[in-house]
Amino acid sequence: GNTLALWHLALTACGSMSHVAPEVIKIAGGKAVSPKEQSSRYDTKCDLWSLGVLLYTMLSGTIPFKGPNVLQDILAGSYRFNHRAWQHVDASAIDLVKKLLRVDPNERISLKEVLQHSWV
């Protein structure tokens, strides 16, 4: 039933490469990933990462991860707020984006915390 389907999804990598969470890349066999990381599962925290990418894009008009090294940049959490659009974005919105785009899902903000965030 649904339990099996949900379990299967937690082992399957899917989605747009520029929006995919680091833990999903690791499961899919991204470069420089240990066997332990490949055997792990991901959860709803990967959706919060994607929300961070969407929020970044909506606020700046550009995506945080692009170019030939997109997977490596995602795994390293390598993005910047250097687009001129960020000059007009509230600091609390930038704070929320940073909390959503934490590479370690255990350090990433939860949905409950998102809903309680000062910018929301």
PDB file of N, CA and C in Angstrom:
ATOM      1  N   GLY A   1       0.812  -1.189   0.000  1.00  0.00           N
ATOM      2  CA  GLY A   1       0.000   0.000   0.000  1.00  0.00           C
ATOM      3  C   GLY A   1       0.851   1.246   0.000  1.00  0.00           C
ATOM      4  N   ASN A   2       0.339   2.275   0.624  1.00  0.00           N
ATOM      5  CA  ASN A   2       1.016   3.568   0.654  1.00  0.00           C
ATOM      6  C   ASN A   2       2.346   3.525   1.387  1.00  0.00           C
ATOM      7  N   THR A   3       2.455   2.714   2.426  1.00  0.00           N
ATOM      8  CA  THR A   3       3.703   2.635   3.174  1.00  0.00           C
ATOM      9  C   THR A   3       4.842   2.160   2.289  1.00  0.00           C
ATOM     10  N   LEU A   4       4.595   1.135   1.496  1.00  0.00           N
ATOM     11  CA  LEU A   4       5.620   0.636   0.586  1.00  0.00           C
ATOM     12  C   LEU A   4       5.971   1.696  -0.447  1.00  0.00           C
ATOM     13  N   ALA A   5       4.985   2.387  -0.982  1.00  0.00           N
ATOM     14  CA  ALA A   5       5.233   3.429  -1.983  1.00  0.00           C
ATOM     15  C   ALA A   5       6.060   4.560  -1.390  1.00  0.00           C
ATOM     16  N   LEU A   6       5.759   4.986  -0.167  1.00  0.00           N
ATOM     17  CA  LEU A   6       6.528   6.046   0.477  1.00  0.00           C
ATOM     18  C   LEU A   6       7.953   5.595   0.756  1.00  0.00           C
ATOM     19  N   TRP A   7       8.127   4.348   1.204  1.00  0.00           N
ATOM     20  CA  TRP A   7       9.460   3.817   1.460  1.00  0.00           C
ATOM     21  C   TRP A   7      10.270   3.794   0.176  1.00  0.00           C
ATOM     22  N   HIS A   8       9.644   3.380  -0.937  1.00  0.00           N
ATOM     23  CA  HIS A   8      10.335   3.334  -2.221  1.00  0.00           C
ATOM     24  C   HIS A   8      10.756   4.735  -2.659  1.00  0.00           C
ATOM     25  N   LEU A   9       9.896   5.723  -2.482  1.00  0.00           N
ATOM     26  CA  LEU A   9      10.248   7.090  -2.855  1.00  0.00           C
ATOM     27  C   LEU A   9      11.444   7.596  -2.060  1.00  0.00           C
ATOM     28  N   ALA A  10      11.555   7.187  -0.821  1.00  0.00           N
ATOM     29  CA  ALA A  10      12.659   7.638   0.013  1.00  0.00           C
ATOM     30  C   ALA A  10      13.989   7.017  -0.393  1.00  0.00           C
ATOM     31  N   LEU A  11      13.977   6.105  -1.328  1.00  0.00           N
ATOM     32  CA  LEU A  11      15.211   5.503  -1.840  1.00  0.00           C
ATOM     33  C   LEU A  11      15.473   5.896  -3.286  1.00  0.00           C
ATOM     34  N   THR A  12      14.579   6.661  -3.892  1.00  0.00           N
ATOM     35  CA  THR A  12      14.665   6.989  -5.306  1.00  0.00           C
ATOM     36  C   THR A  12      15.003   8.463  -5.477  1.00  0.00           C
ATOM     37  N   ALA A  13      15.966   8.758  -6.351  1.00  0.00           N
ATOM     38  CA  ALA A  13      16.325  10.144  -6.636  1.00  0.00           C
ATOM     39  C   ALA A  13      15.488  10.647  -7.801  1.00  0.00           C
ATOM     40  N   CYS A  14      14.864  11.806  -7.606  1.00  0.00           N
ATOM     41  CA  CYS A  14      14.070  12.385  -8.681  1.00  0.00           C
ATOM     42  C   CYS A  14      14.013  13.895  -8.492  1.00  0.00           C
ATOM     43  N   GLY A  15      13.690  14.615  -9.564  1.00  0.00           N
ATOM     44  CA  GLY A  15      13.546  16.063  -9.487  1.00  0.00           C
ATOM     45  C   GLY A  15      14.513  16.793 -10.392  1.00  0.00           C
ATOM     46  N   SER A  16      14.368  18.125 -10.441  1.00  0.00           N
ATOM     47  CA  SER A  16      15.247  18.976 -11.239  1.00  0.00           C
ATOM     48  C   SER A  16      16.610  19.073 -10.573  1.00  0.00           C
ATOM     49  N   MET A  17      17.670  18.921 -11.342  1.00  0.00           N
ATOM     50  CA  MET A  17      19.021  18.912 -10.772  1.00  0.00           C
ATOM     51  C   MET A  17      19.334  20.192 -10.005  1.00  0.00           C
ATOM     52  N   SER A  18      18.884  21.333 -10.481  1.00  0.00           N
ATOM     53  CA  SER A  18      19.208  22.585  -9.802  1.00  0.00           C
ATOM     54  C   SER A  18      18.447  22.754  -8.489  1.00  0.00           C
ATOM     55  N   HIS A  19      17.431  21.918  -8.256  1.00  0.00           N
ATOM     56  CA  HIS A  19      16.613  22.027  -7.052  1.00  0.00           C
ATOM     57  C   HIS A  19      16.798  20.851  -6.088  1.00  0.00           C
ATOM     58  N   VAL A  20      17.576  19.868  -6.479  1.00  0.00           N
ATOM     59  CA  VAL A  20      17.675  18.633  -5.702  1.00  0.00           C
ATOM     60  C   VAL A  20      18.555  18.827  -4.464  1.00  0.00           C
ATOM     61  N   ALA A  21      18.127  18.240  -3.365  1.00  0.00           N
ATOM     62  CA  ALA A  21      18.848  18.365  -2.099  1.00  0.00           C
ATOM     63  C   ALA A  21      20.122  17.521  -2.106  1.00  0.00           C
ATOM     64  N   PRO A  22      21.135  17.941  -1.344  1.00  0.00           N
ATOM     65  CA  PRO A  22      22.394  17.192  -1.301  1.00  0.00           C
ATOM     66  C   PRO A  22      22.213  15.727  -0.929  1.00  0.00           C
ATOM     67  N   GLU A  23      21.318  15.440   0.008  1.00  0.00           N
ATOM     68  CA  GLU A  23      21.139  14.053   0.434  1.00  0.00           C
ATOM     69  C   GLU A  23      20.558  13.186  -0.672  1.00  0.00           C
ATOM     70  N   VAL A  24      19.798  13.772  -1.578  1.00  0.00           N
ATOM     71  CA  VAL A  24      19.258  13.018  -2.713  1.00  0.00           C
ATOM     72  C   VAL A  24      20.370  12.735  -3.718  1.00  0.00           C
ATOM     73  N   ILE A  25      21.250  13.709  -3.931  1.00  0.00           N
ATOM     74  CA  ILE A  25      22.401  13.507  -4.825  1.00  0.00           C
ATOM     75  C   ILE A  25      23.271  12.374  -4.286  1.00  0.00           C
ATOM     76  N   LYS A  26      23.494  12.370  -2.983  1.00  0.00           N
ATOM     77  CA  LYS A  26      24.333  11.335  -2.371  1.00  0.00           C
ATOM     78  C   LYS A  26      23.738   9.951  -2.572  1.00  0.00           C
ATOM     79  N   ILE A  27      22.431   9.837  -2.405  1.00  0.00           N
ATOM     80  CA  ILE A  27      21.770   8.548  -2.604  1.00  0.00           C
ATOM     81  C   ILE A  27      21.861   8.113  -4.056  1.00  0.00           C
ATOM     82  N   ALA A  28      21.793   9.079  -4.968  1.00  0.00           N
ATOM     83  CA  ALA A  28      21.845   8.766  -6.397  1.00  0.00           C
ATOM     84  C   ALA A  28      23.254   8.418  -6.854  1.00  0.00           C
ATOM     85  N   GLY A  29      24.242   8.556  -5.972  1.00  0.00           N
ATOM     86  CA  GLY A  29      25.608   8.191  -6.332  1.00  0.00           C
ATOM     87  C   GLY A  29      26.419   9.346  -6.863  1.00  0.00           C
ATOM     88  N   GLY A  30      26.192  10.539  -6.299  1.00  0.00           N
ATOM     89  CA  GLY A  30      26.984  11.693  -6.699  1.00  0.00           C
ATOM     90  C   GLY A  30      28.457  11.465  -6.418  1.00  0.00           C
ATOM     91  N   LYS A  31      29.308  12.274  -6.994  1.00  0.00           N
ATOM     92  CA  LYS A  31      30.751  12.103  -6.851  1.00  0.00           C
ATOM     93  C   LYS A  31      31.189  12.284  -5.399  1.00  0.00           C
ATOM     94  N   ALA A  32      32.220  11.569  -5.030  1.00  0.00           N
ATOM     95  CA  ALA A  32      32.846  11.655  -3.709  1.00  0.00           C
ATOM     96  C   ALA A  32      31.861  11.345  -2.590  1.00  0.00           C
ATOM     97  N   VAL A  33      31.067  10.319  -2.786  1.00  0.00           N
ATOM     98  CA  VAL A  33      30.083   9.915  -1.786  1.00  0.00           C
ATOM     99  C   VAL A  33      30.477   8.555  -1.229  1.00  0.00           C
ATOM    100  N   SER A  34      30.447   8.436   0.079  1.00  0.00           N
ATOM    101  CA  SER A  34      30.813   7.172   0.717  1.00  0.00           C
ATOM    102  C   SER A  34      29.693   6.147   0.563  1.00  0.00           C
ATOM    103  N   PRO A  35      30.029   4.846   0.640  1.00  0.00           N
ATOM    104  CA  PRO A  35      28.985   3.809   0.572  1.00  0.00           C
ATOM    105  C   PRO A  35      27.922   3.989   1.650  1.00  0.00           C
ATOM    106  N   LYS A  36      28.327   4.456   2.840  1.00  0.00           N
ATOM    107  CA  LYS A  36      27.358   4.687   3.917  1.00  0.00           C
ATOM    108  C   LYS A  36      26.342   5.747   3.499  1.00  0.00           C
ATOM    109  N   GLU A  37      26.829   6.836   2.890  1.00  0.00           N
ATOM    110  CA  GLU A  37      25.919   7.893   2.448  1.00  0.00           C
ATOM    111  C   GLU A  37      25.000   7.394   1.341  1.00  0.00           C
ATOM    112  N   GLN A  38      25.519   6.562   0.438  1.00  0.00           N
ATOM    113  CA  GLN A  38      24.695   6.035  -0.642  1.00  0.00           C
ATOM    114  C   GLN A  38      23.597   5.128  -0.116  1.00  0.00           C
ATOM    115  N   SER A  39      23.838   4.462   0.999  1.00  0.00           N
ATOM    116  CA  SER A  39      22.850   3.522   1.521  1.00  0.00           C
ATOM    117  C   SER A  39      21.819   4.200   2.425  1.00  0.00           C
ATOM    118  N   SER A  40      21.989   5.490   2.679  1.00  0.00           N
ATOM    119  CA  SER A  40      21.046   6.186   3.548  1.00  0.00           C
ATOM    120  C   SER A  40      19.770   6.552   2.792  1.00  0.00           C
ATOM    121  N   ARG A  41      18.805   7.027   3.544  1.00  0.00           N
ATOM    122  CA  ARG A  41      17.540   7.455   2.953  1.00  0.00           C
ATOM    123  C   ARG A  41      17.375   8.946   3.191  1.00  0.00           C
ATOM    124  N   TYR A  42      16.473   9.543   2.427  1.00  0.00           N
ATOM    125  CA  TYR A  42      16.152  10.940   2.675  1.00  0.00           C
ATOM    126  C   TYR A  42      14.693  11.045   3.098  1.00  0.00           C
ATOM    127  N   ASP A  43      14.338  12.215   3.646  1.00  0.00           N
ATOM    128  CA  ASP A  43      12.970  12.413   4.119  1.00  0.00           C
ATOM    129  C   ASP A  43      12.439  13.757   3.630  1.00  0.00           C
ATOM    130  N   THR A  44      11.446  14.277   4.315  1.00  0.00           N
ATOM    131  CA  THR A  44      10.803  15.515   3.870  1.00  0.00           C
ATOM    132  C   THR A  44      11.716  16.731   3.957  1.00  0.00           C
ATOM    133  N   LYS A  45      12.844  16.616   4.632  1.00  0.00           N
ATOM    134  CA  LYS A  45      13.792  17.733   4.687  1.00  0.00           C
ATOM    135  C   LYS A  45      14.299  18.100   3.289  1.00  0.00           C
ATOM    136  N   CYS A  46      14.307  17.129   2.365  1.00  0.00           N
ATOM    137  CA  CYS A  46      14.749  17.440   1.002  1.00  0.00           C
ATOM    138  C   CYS A  46      13.757  18.385   0.320  1.00  0.00           C
ATOM    139  N   ASP A  47      12.492  18.325   0.697  1.00  0.00           N
ATOM    140  CA  ASP A  47      11.499  19.243   0.144  1.00  0.00           C
ATOM    141  C   ASP A  47      11.724  20.659   0.661  1.00  0.00           C
ATOM    142  N   LEU A  48      12.202  20.771   1.892  1.00  0.00           N
ATOM    143  CA  LEU A  48      12.511  22.089   2.442  1.00  0.00           C
ATOM    144  C   LEU A  48      13.714  22.696   1.727  1.00  0.00           C
ATOM    145  N   TRP A  49      14.682  21.867   1.344  1.00  0.00           N
ATOM    146  CA  TRP A  49      15.799  22.346   0.520  1.00  0.00           C
ATOM    147  C   TRP A  49      15.251  22.926  -0.780  1.00  0.00           C
ATOM    148  N   SER A  50      14.384  22.184  -1.445  1.00  0.00           N
ATOM    149  CA  SER A  50      13.808  22.646  -2.711  1.00  0.00           C
ATOM    150  C   SER A  50      13.015  23.933  -2.515  1.00  0.00           C
ATOM    151  N   LEU A  51      12.335  24.059  -1.387  1.00  0.00           N
ATOM    152  CA  LEU A  51      11.640  25.301  -1.057  1.00  0.00           C
ATOM    153  C   LEU A  51      12.640  26.448  -0.960  1.00  0.00           C
ATOM    154  N   GLY A  52      13.801  26.180  -0.374  1.00  0.00           N
ATOM    155  CA  GLY A  52      14.850  27.194  -0.296  1.00  0.00           C
ATOM    156  C   GLY A  52      15.320  27.640  -1.669  1.00  0.00           C
ATOM    157  N   VAL A  53      15.473  26.686  -2.584  1.00  0.00           N
ATOM    158  CA  VAL A  53      15.871  27.021  -3.958  1.00  0.00           C
ATOM    159  C   VAL A  53      14.785  27.869  -4.612  1.00  0.00           C
ATOM    160  N   LEU A  54      13.534  27.481  -4.431  1.00  0.00           N
ATOM    161  CA  LEU A  54      12.421  28.246  -5.009  1.00  0.00           C
ATOM    162  C   LEU A  54      12.345  29.650  -4.419  1.00  0.00           C
ATOM    163  N   LEU A  55      12.504  29.767  -3.116  1.00  0.00           N
ATOM    164  CA  LEU A  55      12.463  31.075  -2.469  1.00  0.00           C
ATOM    165  C   LEU A  55      13.617  31.949  -2.946  1.00  0.00           C
ATOM    166  N   TYR A  56      14.801  31.379  -3.036  1.00  0.00           N
ATOM    167  CA  TYR A  56      15.967  32.100  -3.558  1.00  0.00           C
ATOM    168  C   TYR A  56      15.648  32.641  -4.950  1.00  0.00           C
ATOM    169  N   THR A  57      15.071  31.797  -5.786  1.00  0.00           N
ATOM    170  CA  THR A  57      14.755  32.166  -7.164  1.00  0.00           C
ATOM    171  C   THR A  57      13.687  33.251  -7.213  1.00  0.00           C
ATOM    172  N   MET A  58      12.663  33.120  -6.403  1.00  0.00           N
ATOM    173  CA  MET A  58      11.586  34.112  -6.391  1.00  0.00           C
ATOM    174  C   MET A  58      12.078  35.476  -5.914  1.00  0.00           C
ATOM    175  N   LEU A  59      12.985  35.491  -4.961  1.00  0.00           N
ATOM    176  CA  LEU A  59      13.469  36.751  -4.402  1.00  0.00           C
ATOM    177  C   LEU A  59      14.514  37.438  -5.273  1.00  0.00           C
ATOM    178  N   SER A  60      15.257  36.649  -6.057  1.00  0.00           N
ATOM    179  CA  SER A  60      16.369  37.235  -6.821  1.00  0.00           C
ATOM    180  C   SER A  60      16.198  37.173  -8.332  1.00  0.00           C
ATOM    181  N   GLY A  61      15.321  36.298  -8.806  1.00  0.00           N
ATOM    182  CA  GLY A  61      15.163  36.132 -10.249  1.00  0.00           C
ATOM    183  C   GLY A  61      16.226  35.251 -10.871  1.00  0.00           C
ATOM    184  N   THR A  62      17.034  34.608 -10.051  1.00  0.00           N
ATOM    185  CA  THR A  62      18.076  33.702 -10.539  1.00  0.00           C
ATOM    186  C   THR A  62      18.123  32.474  -9.623  1.00  0.00           C
ATOM    187  N   ILE A  63      18.723  31.393 -10.115  1.00  0.00           N
ATOM    188  CA  ILE A  63      18.805  30.186  -9.295  1.00  0.00           C
ATOM    189  C   ILE A  63      20.143  30.148  -8.551  1.00  0.00           C
ATOM    190  N   PRO A  64      20.166  29.543  -7.377  1.00  0.00           N
ATOM    191  CA  PRO A  64      21.406  29.543  -6.595  1.00  0.00           C
ATOM    192  C   PRO A  64      22.491  28.616  -7.123  1.00  0.00           C
ATOM    193  N   PHE A  65      22.091  27.553  -7.798  1.00  0.00           N
ATOM    194  CA  PHE A  65      23.056  26.560  -8.275  1.00  0.00           C
ATOM    195  C   PHE A  65      22.914  26.416  -9.779  1.00  0.00           C
ATOM    196  N   LYS A  66      23.984  26.764 -10.496  1.00  0.00           N
ATOM    197  CA  LYS A  66      23.951  26.677 -11.955  1.00  0.00           C
ATOM    198  C   LYS A  66      25.370  26.482 -12.467  1.00  0.00           C
ATOM    199  N   GLY A  67      25.474  26.152 -13.725  1.00  0.00           N
ATOM    200  CA  GLY A  67      26.788  25.992 -14.324  1.00  0.00           C
ATOM    201  C   GLY A  67      27.225  24.545 -14.395  1.00  0.00           C
ATOM    202  N   PRO A  68      28.456  24.332 -14.828  1.00  0.00           N
ATOM    203  CA  PRO A  68      28.938  22.969 -15.074  1.00  0.00           C
ATOM    204  C   PRO A  68      29.155  22.141 -13.813  1.00  0.00           C
ATOM    205  N   ASN A  69      29.282  22.784 -12.664  1.00  0.00           N
ATOM    206  CA  ASN A  69      29.556  22.064 -11.417  1.00  0.00           C
ATOM    207  C   ASN A  69      28.369  22.100 -10.464  1.00  0.00           C
ATOM    208  N   VAL A  70      27.163  22.086 -11.010  1.00  0.00           N
ATOM    209  CA  VAL A  70      25.964  22.259 -10.183  1.00  0.00           C
ATOM    210  C   VAL A  70      25.877  21.217  -9.065  1.00  0.00           C
ATOM    211  N   LEU A  71      26.159  19.965  -9.345  1.00  0.00           N
ATOM    212  CA  LEU A  71      26.065  18.934  -8.307  1.00  0.00           C
ATOM    213  C   LEU A  71      27.095  19.159  -7.204  1.00  0.00           C
ATOM    214  N   GLN A  72      28.318  19.479  -7.582  1.00  0.00           N
ATOM    215  CA  GLN A  72      29.365  19.735  -6.593  1.00  0.00           C
ATOM    216  C   GLN A  72      29.027  20.974  -5.764  1.00  0.00           C
ATOM    217  N   ASP A  73      28.466  22.002  -6.420  1.00  0.00           N
ATOM    218  CA  ASP A  73      28.089  23.218  -5.696  1.00  0.00           C
ATOM    219  C   ASP A  73      26.978  22.935  -4.690  1.00  0.00           C
ATOM    220  N   ILE A  74      26.015  22.105  -5.076  1.00  0.00           N
ATOM    221  CA  ILE A  74      24.937  21.736  -4.154  1.00  0.00           C
ATOM    222  C   ILE A  74      25.511  20.962  -2.974  1.00  0.00           C
ATOM    223  N   LEU A  75      26.359  19.973  -3.243  1.00  0.00           N
ATOM    224  CA  LEU A  75      26.952  19.166  -2.171  1.00  0.00           C
ATOM    225  C   LEU A  75      27.779  20.012  -1.207  1.00  0.00           C
ATOM    226  N   ALA A  76      28.400  21.069  -1.730  1.00  0.00           N
ATOM    227  CA  ALA A  76      29.220  21.950  -0.903  1.00  0.00           C
ATOM    228  C   ALA A  76      28.409  23.102  -0.306  1.00  0.00           C
ATOM    229  N   GLY A  77      27.164  23.267  -0.754  1.00  0.00           N
ATOM    230  CA  GLY A  77      26.365  24.409  -0.313  1.00  0.00           C
ATOM    231  C   GLY A  77      26.959  25.711  -0.800  1.00  0.00           C
ATOM    232  N   SER A  78      27.506  25.676  -2.005  1.00  0.00           N
ATOM    233  CA  SER A  78      28.210  26.824  -2.567  1.00  0.00           C
ATOM    234  C   SER A  78      27.265  27.689  -3.403  1.00  0.00           C
ATOM    235  N   TYR A  79      26.751  28.739  -2.781  1.00  0.00           N
ATOM    236  CA  TYR A  79      25.898  29.713  -3.462  1.00  0.00           C
ATOM    237  C   TYR A  79      26.183  31.075  -2.841  1.00  0.00           C
ATOM    238  N   ARG A  80      25.769  32.129  -3.536  1.00  0.00           N
ATOM    239  CA  ARG A  80      26.056  33.480  -3.049  1.00  0.00           C
ATOM    240  C   ARG A  80      24.823  34.369  -3.184  1.00  0.00           C
ATOM    241  N   PHE A  81      24.859  35.454  -2.466  1.00  0.00           N
ATOM    242  CA  PHE A  81      23.811  36.466  -2.543  1.00  0.00           C
ATOM    243  C   PHE A  81      24.382  37.718  -3.209  1.00  0.00           C
ATOM    244  N   ASN A  82      25.076  37.542  -4.324  1.00  0.00           N
ATOM    245  CA  ASN A  82      25.750  38.673  -4.953  1.00  0.00           C
ATOM    246  C   ASN A  82      24.954  39.317  -6.090  1.00  0.00           C
ATOM    247  N   HIS A  83      23.812  38.769  -6.456  1.00  0.00           N
ATOM    248  CA  HIS A  83      22.982  39.383  -7.492  1.00  0.00           C
ATOM    249  C   HIS A  83      22.441  40.705  -6.943  1.00  0.00           C
ATOM    250  N   ARG A  84      22.364  41.712  -7.785  1.00  0.00           N
ATOM    251  CA  ARG A  84      21.930  43.039  -7.320  1.00  0.00           C
ATOM    252  C   ARG A  84      20.538  43.027  -6.703  1.00  0.00           C
ATOM    253  N   ALA A  85      19.707  42.072  -7.087  1.00  0.00           N
ATOM    254  CA  ALA A  85      18.354  41.991  -6.521  1.00  0.00           C
ATOM    255  C   ALA A  85      18.385  41.798  -5.010  1.00  0.00           C
ATOM    256  N   TRP A  86      19.442  41.172  -4.483  1.00  0.00           N
ATOM    257  CA  TRP A  86      19.519  40.912  -3.047  1.00  0.00           C
ATOM    258  C   TRP A  86      19.659  42.194  -2.238  1.00  0.00           C
ATOM    259  N   GLN A  87      20.072  43.276  -2.867  1.00  0.00           N
ATOM    260  CA  GLN A  87      20.206  44.556  -2.161  1.00  0.00           C
ATOM    261  C   GLN A  87      18.858  45.050  -1.645  1.00  0.00           C
ATOM    262  N   HIS A  88      17.778  44.584  -2.261  1.00  0.00           N
ATOM    263  CA  HIS A  88      16.436  45.053  -1.919  1.00  0.00           C
ATOM    264  C   HIS A  88      15.627  44.010  -1.149  1.00  0.00           C
ATOM    265  N   VAL A  89      16.277  42.939  -0.725  1.00  0.00           N
ATOM    266  CA  VAL A  89      15.593  41.853  -0.020  1.00  0.00           C
ATOM    267  C   VAL A  89      15.837  41.993   1.480  1.00  0.00           C
ATOM    268  N   ASP A  90      14.770  41.841   2.241  1.00  0.00           N
ATOM    269  CA  ASP A  90      14.828  41.939   3.691  1.00  0.00           C
ATOM    270  C   ASP A  90      15.810  40.908   4.267  1.00  0.00           C
ATOM    271  N   ALA A  91      16.555  41.314   5.281  1.00  0.00           N
ATOM    272  CA  ALA A  91      17.547  40.427   5.905  1.00  0.00           C
ATOM    273  C   ALA A  91      16.909  39.162   6.475  1.00  0.00           C
ATOM    274  N   SER A  92      15.688  39.249   6.964  1.00  0.00           N
ATOM    275  CA  SER A  92      15.047  38.054   7.517  1.00  0.00           C
ATOM    276  C   SER A  92      14.677  37.064   6.418  1.00  0.00           C
ATOM    277  N   ALA A  93      14.398  37.542   5.213  1.00  0.00           N
ATOM    278  CA  ALA A  93      14.141  36.641   4.082  1.00  0.00           C
ATOM    279  C   ALA A  93      15.420  35.908   3.702  1.00  0.00           C
ATOM    280  N   ILE A  94      16.533  36.623   3.700  1.00  0.00           N
ATOM    281  CA  ILE A  94      17.827  36.002   3.406  1.00  0.00           C
ATOM    282  C   ILE A  94      18.161  34.963   4.474  1.00  0.00           C
ATOM    283  N   ASP A  95      17.863  35.277   5.726  1.00  0.00           N
ATOM    284  CA  ASP A  95      18.081  34.332   6.823  1.00  0.00           C
ATOM    285  C   ASP A  95      17.300  33.043   6.595  1.00  0.00           C
ATOM    286  N   LEU A  96      16.053  33.162   6.165  1.00  0.00           N
ATOM    287  CA  LEU A  96      15.237  31.975   5.916  1.00  0.00           C
ATOM    288  C   LEU A  96      15.821  31.147   4.776  1.00  0.00           C
ATOM    289  N   VAL A  97      16.254  31.795   3.705  1.00  0.00           N
ATOM    290  CA  VAL A  97      16.867  31.073   2.586  1.00  0.00           C
ATOM    291  C   VAL A  97      18.091  30.304   3.074  1.00  0.00           C
ATOM    292  N   LYS A  98      18.938  30.948   3.849  1.00  0.00           N
ATOM    293  CA  LYS A  98      20.146  30.287   4.372  1.00  0.00           C
ATOM    294  C   LYS A  98      19.798  29.072   5.224  1.00  0.00           C
ATOM    295  N   LYS A  99      18.761  29.184   6.027  1.00  0.00           N
ATOM    296  CA  LYS A  99      18.363  28.071   6.895  1.00  0.00           C
ATOM    297  C   LYS A  99      17.757  26.925   6.095  1.00  0.00           C
ATOM    298  N   LEU A 100      17.096  27.249   4.987  1.00  0.00           N
ATOM    299  CA  LEU A 100      16.532  26.215   4.117  1.00  0.00           C
ATOM    300  C   LEU A 100      17.608  25.525   3.287  1.00  0.00           C
ATOM    301  N   LEU A 101      18.693  26.232   2.988  1.00  0.00           N
ATOM    302  CA  LEU A 101      19.746  25.684   2.130  1.00  0.00           C
ATOM    303  C   LEU A 101      20.955  25.177   2.924  1.00  0.00           C
ATOM    304  N   ARG A 102      20.726  24.710   4.118  1.00  0.00           N
ATOM    305  CA  ARG A 102      21.806  24.063   4.874  1.00  0.00           C
ATOM    306  C   ARG A 102      22.021  22.669   4.305  1.00  0.00           C
ATOM    307  N   VAL A 103      23.264  22.349   4.018  1.00  0.00           N
ATOM    308  CA  VAL A 103      23.610  21.074   3.381  1.00  0.00           C
ATOM    309  C   VAL A 103      23.220  19.885   4.250  1.00  0.00           C
ATOM    310  N   ASP A 104      23.485  19.969   5.534  1.00  0.00           N
ATOM    311  CA  ASP A 104      23.157  18.873   6.449  1.00  0.00           C
ATOM    312  C   ASP A 104      21.665  18.943   6.784  1.00  0.00           C
ATOM    313  N   PRO A 105      20.894  17.936   6.391  1.00  0.00           N
ATOM    314  CA  PRO A 105      19.450  17.989   6.655  1.00  0.00           C
ATOM    315  C   PRO A 105      19.112  18.060   8.142  1.00  0.00           C
ATOM    316  N   ASN A 106      20.008  17.574   9.002  1.00  0.00           N
ATOM    317  CA  ASN A 106      19.776  17.656  10.448  1.00  0.00           C
ATOM    318  C   ASN A 106      19.905  19.085  10.970  1.00  0.00           C
ATOM    319  N   GLU A 107      20.616  19.924  10.233  1.00  0.00           N
ATOM    320  CA  GLU A 107      20.775  21.331  10.612  1.00  0.00           C
ATOM    321  C   GLU A 107      19.783  22.233   9.883  1.00  0.00           C
ATOM    322  N   ARG A 108      19.099  21.698   8.897  1.00  0.00           N
ATOM    323  CA  ARG A 108      18.139  22.464   8.097  1.00  0.00           C
ATOM    324  C   ARG A 108      16.898  22.776   8.927  1.00  0.00           C
ATOM    325  N   ILE A 109      16.327  23.914   8.706  1.00  0.00           N
ATOM    326  CA  ILE A 109      15.121  24.345   9.401  1.00  0.00           C
ATOM    327  C   ILE A 109      13.969  23.377   9.122  1.00  0.00           C
ATOM    328  N   SER A 110      13.112  23.174  10.105  1.00  0.00           N
ATOM    329  CA  SER A 110      11.951  22.291   9.937  1.00  0.00           C
ATOM    330  C   SER A 110      10.773  23.087   9.374  1.00  0.00           C
ATOM    331  N   LEU A 111       9.761  22.388   8.913  1.00  0.00           N
ATOM    332  CA  LEU A 111       8.570  23.063   8.396  1.00  0.00           C
ATOM    333  C   LEU A 111       7.911  23.898   9.493  1.00  0.00           C
ATOM    334  N   LYS A 112       7.848  23.355  10.689  1.00  0.00           N
ATOM    335  CA  LYS A 112       7.265  24.100  11.811  1.00  0.00           C
ATOM    336  C   LYS A 112       8.034  25.397  12.049  1.00  0.00           C
ATOM    337  N   GLU A 113       9.373  25.311  11.986  1.00  0.00           N
ATOM    338  CA  GLU A 113      10.205  26.505  12.180  1.00  0.00           C
ATOM    339  C   GLU A 113      10.034  27.494  11.032  1.00  0.00           C
ATOM    340  N   VAL A 114       9.846  26.986   9.814  1.00  0.00           N
ATOM    341  CA  VAL A 114       9.592  27.874   8.670  1.00  0.00           C
ATOM    342  C   VAL A 114       8.330  28.685   8.938  1.00  0.00           C
ATOM    343  N   LEU A 115       7.283  28.004   9.358  1.00  0.00           N
ATOM    344  CA  LEU A 115       6.002  28.670   9.595  1.00  0.00           C
ATOM    345  C   LEU A 115       6.067  29.672  10.744  1.00  0.00           C
ATOM    346  N   GLN A 116       7.039  29.506  11.645  1.00  0.00           N
ATOM    347  CA  GLN A 116       7.215  30.426  12.774  1.00  0.00           C
ATOM    348  C   GLN A 116       8.295  31.475  12.505  1.00  0.00           C
ATOM    349  N   HIS A 117       8.934  31.412  11.345  1.00  0.00           N
ATOM    350  CA  HIS A 117      10.028  32.331  11.027  1.00  0.00           C
ATOM    351  C   HIS A 117       9.509  33.767  10.930  1.00  0.00           C
ATOM    352  N   SER A 118      10.317  34.710  11.342  1.00  0.00           N
ATOM    353  CA  SER A 118       9.903  36.121  11.364  1.00  0.00           C
ATOM    354  C   SER A 118       9.526  36.667   9.989  1.00  0.00           C
ATOM    355  N   TRP A 119      10.142  36.140   8.928  1.00  0.00           N
ATOM    356  CA  TRP A 119       9.823  36.649   7.594  1.00  0.00           C
ATOM    357  C   TRP A 119       8.466  36.153   7.105  1.00  0.00           C
ATOM    358  N   VAL A 120       8.071  34.967   7.555  1.00  0.00           N
ATOM    359  CA  VAL A 120       6.792  34.387   7.141  1.00  0.00           C
ATOM    360  C   VAL A 120       5.690  35.062   7.929  1.00  0.00           C
TER     361      VAL A 120
END
